[in-house]
Amino acid sequence: MDQTTHRGALAAIGTCSACPLLTMCQIAAAHEFATGRPPSSMIWAAIPYDEVGTEIRLDFLKEFIARRDGRSSSVKRTSSQRSGAAA
């Protein structure tokens, strides 16, 4: 999750979801959590995690990546902002 795009993250989640080893990955992830070692900055068992191991909700994934990259996808620019004109 350190460098992927929103599209790349969704592709990875889709690949995980279709993988025949998904159940084994889910069990391994649960074990890591139980031992105090949550996954960080990755997608594991079709779930994205931030740098401290907190699950990133899929409905927030695009915004998370935008903020990570120093921009916010929820902020809409007006036509005067795009053109550089004073409001």
N, C-alpha and C. Protein backbone atom coordinates (compact mmCIF):
# COMPACT_ATOMS: atom_id res chain seq x y z
N MET A 1 0.81 -1.19 0.00
CA MET A 1 0.00 0.00 0.00
C MET A 1 0.86 1.25 0.00
N ASP A 2 2.16 1.06 0.05
CA ASP A 2 3.05 2.21 0.06
C ASP A 2 3.12 2.90 -1.30
N GLN A 3 2.96 2.16 -2.39
CA GLN A 3 3.19 2.76 -3.70
C GLN A 3 2.13 2.46 -4.74
N THR A 4 1.18 1.60 -4.45
CA THR A 4 0.22 1.21 -5.47
C THR A 4 -0.81 2.30 -5.74
N THR A 5 -1.44 2.18 -6.88
CA THR A 5 -2.53 3.07 -7.25
C THR A 5 -3.85 2.45 -6.77
N HIS A 6 -4.92 3.22 -6.84
CA HIS A 6 -6.24 2.70 -6.49
C HIS A 6 -6.57 1.50 -7.38
N ARG A 7 -6.34 1.66 -8.66
CA ARG A 7 -6.60 0.57 -9.60
C ARG A 7 -5.74 -0.65 -9.29
N GLY A 8 -4.46 -0.43 -8.95
CA GLY A 8 -3.57 -1.54 -8.61
C GLY A 8 -4.01 -2.26 -7.35
N ALA A 9 -4.47 -1.49 -6.37
CA ALA A 9 -4.95 -2.10 -5.12
C ALA A 9 -6.19 -2.94 -5.38
N LEU A 10 -7.12 -2.42 -6.18
CA LEU A 10 -8.32 -3.19 -6.50
C LEU A 10 -7.99 -4.46 -7.27
N ALA A 11 -7.00 -4.38 -8.16
CA ALA A 11 -6.57 -5.57 -8.91
C ALA A 11 -5.98 -6.61 -7.95
N ALA A 12 -5.17 -6.17 -7.01
CA ALA A 12 -4.58 -7.10 -6.04
C ALA A 12 -5.66 -7.74 -5.16
N ILE A 13 -6.62 -6.94 -4.73
CA ILE A 13 -7.72 -7.47 -3.92
C ILE A 13 -8.51 -8.51 -4.72
N GLY A 14 -8.76 -8.21 -5.98
CA GLY A 14 -9.47 -9.16 -6.84
C GLY A 14 -8.70 -10.45 -7.04
N THR A 15 -7.39 -10.34 -7.21
CA THR A 15 -6.55 -11.52 -7.37
C THR A 15 -6.57 -12.37 -6.11
N CYS A 16 -6.46 -11.72 -4.96
CA CYS A 16 -6.53 -12.44 -3.68
C CYS A 16 -7.88 -13.15 -3.53
N SER A 17 -8.94 -12.43 -3.85
CA SER A 17 -10.28 -12.97 -3.67
C SER A 17 -10.51 -14.22 -4.51
N ALA A 18 -9.86 -14.29 -5.66
CA ALA A 18 -10.03 -15.43 -6.56
C ALA A 18 -9.02 -16.55 -6.31
N CYS A 19 -8.07 -16.32 -5.43
CA CYS A 19 -6.98 -17.28 -5.20
C CYS A 19 -7.49 -18.49 -4.41
N PRO A 20 -7.09 -19.68 -4.81
CA PRO A 20 -7.50 -20.88 -4.07
C PRO A 20 -6.86 -20.96 -2.67
N LEU A 21 -5.86 -20.15 -2.40
CA LEU A 21 -5.20 -20.15 -1.09
C LEU A 21 -5.74 -19.08 -0.15
N LEU A 22 -6.83 -18.41 -0.54
CA LEU A 22 -7.37 -17.31 0.25
C LEU A 22 -7.65 -17.72 1.70
N THR A 23 -8.27 -18.86 1.90
CA THR A 23 -8.60 -19.31 3.26
C THR A 23 -7.33 -19.49 4.09
N MET A 24 -6.30 -20.04 3.49
CA MET A 24 -5.03 -20.22 4.21
C MET A 24 -4.43 -18.86 4.57
N CYS A 25 -4.51 -17.90 3.69
CA CYS A 25 -4.01 -16.56 3.97
C CYS A 25 -4.81 -15.89 5.08
N GLN A 26 -6.12 -16.09 5.09
CA GLN A 26 -6.95 -15.52 6.13
C GLN A 26 -6.57 -16.09 7.50
N ILE A 27 -6.29 -17.38 7.54
CA ILE A 27 -5.87 -18.03 8.79
C ILE A 27 -4.51 -17.50 9.23
N ALA A 28 -3.58 -17.35 8.28
CA ALA A 28 -2.25 -16.82 8.61
C ALA A 28 -2.35 -15.38 9.10
N ALA A 29 -3.19 -14.58 8.47
CA ALA A 29 -3.37 -13.19 8.90
C ALA A 29 -3.95 -13.14 10.31
N ALA A 30 -4.93 -13.98 10.59
CA ALA A 30 -5.52 -14.03 11.94
C ALA A 30 -4.48 -14.42 12.98
N HIS A 31 -3.60 -15.33 12.63
CA HIS A 31 -2.51 -15.73 13.54
C HIS A 31 -1.57 -14.55 13.80
N GLU A 32 -1.23 -13.82 12.77
CA GLU A 32 -0.33 -12.67 12.93
C GLU A 32 -0.97 -11.62 13.84
N PHE A 33 -2.25 -11.37 13.66
CA PHE A 33 -2.95 -10.43 14.54
C PHE A 33 -2.94 -10.93 15.98
N ALA A 34 -3.20 -12.23 16.16
CA ALA A 34 -3.26 -12.80 17.51
C ALA A 34 -1.92 -12.73 18.22
N THR A 35 -0.84 -12.73 17.48
CA THR A 35 0.49 -12.67 18.09
C THR A 35 1.05 -11.25 18.11
N GLY A 36 0.18 -10.27 17.81
CA GLY A 36 0.60 -8.88 17.90
C GLY A 36 1.42 -8.38 16.74
N ARG A 37 1.35 -9.06 15.60
CA ARG A 37 2.09 -8.65 14.41
C ARG A 37 1.15 -8.47 13.23
N PRO A 38 0.34 -7.41 13.26
CA PRO A 38 -0.59 -7.22 12.15
C PRO A 38 0.16 -6.89 10.87
N PRO A 39 -0.41 -7.26 9.73
CA PRO A 39 0.22 -6.89 8.46
C PRO A 39 0.21 -5.38 8.32
N SER A 40 1.21 -4.84 7.67
CA SER A 40 1.25 -3.39 7.50
C SER A 40 1.65 -3.04 6.08
N SER A 41 1.04 -1.97 5.58
CA SER A 41 1.33 -1.44 4.25
C SER A 41 1.24 -2.51 3.16
N MET A 42 0.18 -3.30 3.23
CA MET A 42 0.03 -4.36 2.24
C MET A 42 -1.42 -4.76 2.09
N ILE A 43 -1.64 -5.60 1.09
CA ILE A 43 -2.92 -6.26 0.93
C ILE A 43 -2.66 -7.72 1.24
N TRP A 44 -3.37 -8.22 2.24
CA TRP A 44 -3.17 -9.61 2.65
C TRP A 44 -4.55 -10.25 2.78
N ALA A 45 -4.74 -11.37 2.14
CA ALA A 45 -6.01 -12.09 2.16
C ALA A 45 -7.16 -11.18 1.70
N ALA A 46 -6.89 -10.40 0.68
CA ALA A 46 -7.87 -9.51 0.04
C ALA A 46 -8.28 -8.33 0.91
N ILE A 47 -7.50 -8.01 1.94
CA ILE A 47 -7.79 -6.88 2.81
C ILE A 47 -6.61 -5.92 2.80
N PRO A 48 -6.85 -4.65 2.46
CA PRO A 48 -5.76 -3.67 2.50
C PRO A 48 -5.52 -3.17 3.93
N TYR A 49 -4.25 -2.98 4.28
CA TYR A 49 -3.85 -2.48 5.58
C TYR A 49 -2.95 -1.27 5.42
N ASP A 50 -3.08 -0.32 6.35
CA ASP A 50 -2.21 0.85 6.32
C ASP A 50 -0.88 0.53 6.99
N GLU A 51 -0.06 1.57 7.18
CA GLU A 51 1.31 1.37 7.69
C GLU A 51 1.37 0.87 9.13
N VAL A 52 0.29 0.99 9.89
CA VAL A 52 0.29 0.49 11.28
C VAL A 52 -0.54 -0.77 11.44
N GLY A 53 -1.05 -1.32 10.34
CA GLY A 53 -1.79 -2.56 10.40
C GLY A 53 -3.29 -2.42 10.58
N THR A 54 -3.81 -1.22 10.36
CA THR A 54 -5.25 -1.00 10.46
C THR A 54 -5.89 -1.29 9.11
N GLU A 55 -6.97 -2.05 9.11
CA GLU A 55 -7.67 -2.37 7.88
C GLU A 55 -8.20 -1.09 7.24
N ILE A 56 -8.05 -0.99 5.93
CA ILE A 56 -8.58 0.14 5.17
C ILE A 56 -9.88 -0.31 4.53
N ARG A 57 -10.97 0.33 4.91
CA ARG A 57 -12.27 -0.02 4.32
C ARG A 57 -12.22 0.19 2.82
N LEU A 58 -12.85 -0.71 2.09
CA LEU A 58 -12.84 -0.59 0.63
C LEU A 58 -13.53 0.68 0.15
N ASP A 59 -14.54 1.15 0.88
CA ASP A 59 -15.20 2.38 0.47
C ASP A 59 -14.36 3.62 0.75
N PHE A 60 -13.25 3.46 1.45
CA PHE A 60 -12.33 4.57 1.76
C PHE A 60 -10.99 4.42 1.04
N LEU A 61 -10.81 3.32 0.32
CA LEU A 61 -9.51 3.01 -0.29
C LEU A 61 -9.02 4.10 -1.24
N LYS A 62 -9.88 4.59 -2.10
CA LYS A 62 -9.46 5.62 -3.06
C LYS A 62 -9.01 6.88 -2.31
N GLU A 63 -9.76 7.29 -1.30
CA GLU A 63 -9.41 8.47 -0.50
C GLU A 63 -8.10 8.23 0.26
N PHE A 64 -7.92 7.03 0.81
CA PHE A 64 -6.68 6.70 1.52
C PHE A 64 -5.47 6.88 0.61
N ILE A 65 -5.55 6.36 -0.59
CA ILE A 65 -4.43 6.45 -1.54
C ILE A 65 -4.21 7.91 -1.95
N ALA A 66 -5.28 8.65 -2.16
CA ALA A 66 -5.15 10.07 -2.52
C ALA A 66 -4.46 10.83 -1.41
N ARG A 67 -4.86 10.61 -0.18
CA ARG A 67 -4.23 11.30 0.96
C ARG A 67 -2.78 10.88 1.12
N ARG A 68 -2.51 9.58 0.93
CA ARG A 68 -1.13 9.11 1.02
C ARG A 68 -0.24 9.83 0.02
N ASP A 69 -0.81 10.12 -1.13
CA ASP A 69 -0.07 10.79 -2.20
C ASP A 69 -0.12 12.31 -2.10
N GLY A 70 -0.70 12.83 -1.01
CA GLY A 70 -0.71 14.27 -0.79
C GLY A 70 -1.82 15.01 -1.49
N ARG A 71 -2.86 14.30 -1.84
CA ARG A 71 -4.01 14.96 -2.44
C ARG A 71 -5.26 14.34 -1.85
N SER A 72 -6.38 14.96 -2.05
CA SER A 72 -7.63 14.43 -1.51
C SER A 72 -8.63 14.30 -2.64
N SER A 73 -9.14 13.09 -2.83
CA SER A 73 -10.09 12.87 -3.93
C SER A 73 -11.46 13.44 -3.60
N SER A 74 -11.72 13.78 -2.34
CA SER A 74 -13.04 14.29 -1.98
C SER A 74 -13.16 15.80 -2.18
N VAL A 75 -12.05 16.47 -2.42
CA VAL A 75 -12.09 17.92 -2.62
C VAL A 75 -12.32 18.20 -4.10
N LYS A 76 -13.40 18.86 -4.39
CA LYS A 76 -13.72 19.19 -5.77
C LYS A 76 -13.22 20.60 -6.07
N ARG A 77 -12.52 20.75 -7.17
CA ARG A 77 -12.03 22.07 -7.56
C ARG A 77 -13.05 22.75 -8.44
N THR A 78 -13.23 24.03 -8.24
CA THR A 78 -14.15 24.79 -9.07
C THR A 78 -13.45 25.17 -10.36
N SER A 79 -14.20 25.65 -11.32
CA SER A 79 -13.60 26.04 -12.60
C SER A 79 -12.65 27.21 -12.41
N SER A 80 -12.94 28.13 -11.45
CA SER A 80 -12.04 29.25 -11.24
C SER A 80 -10.73 28.78 -10.60
N GLN A 81 -10.77 27.74 -9.76
CA GLN A 81 -9.55 27.21 -9.18
C GLN A 81 -8.71 26.53 -10.24
N ARG A 82 -9.37 25.82 -11.17
CA ARG A 82 -8.64 25.11 -12.22
C ARG A 82 -7.96 26.10 -13.17
N SER A 83 -8.63 27.21 -13.43
CA SER A 83 -8.07 28.16 -14.38
C SER A 83 -7.10 29.14 -13.74
N GLY A 84 -7.09 29.15 -12.39
CA GLY A 84 -6.19 30.06 -11.70
C GLY A 84 -6.80 31.43 -11.48
N ALA A 85 -8.06 31.63 -11.86
CA ALA A 85 -8.72 32.92 -11.68
C ALA A 85 -9.09 33.12 -10.21
N ALA A 86 -9.13 34.38 -9.81
CA ALA A 86 -9.52 34.69 -8.43
C ALA A 86 -11.01 34.47 -8.27
N ALA A 87 -11.41 34.02 -7.09
CA ALA A 87 -12.82 33.74 -6.85
C ALA A 87 -13.56 34.99 -6.42
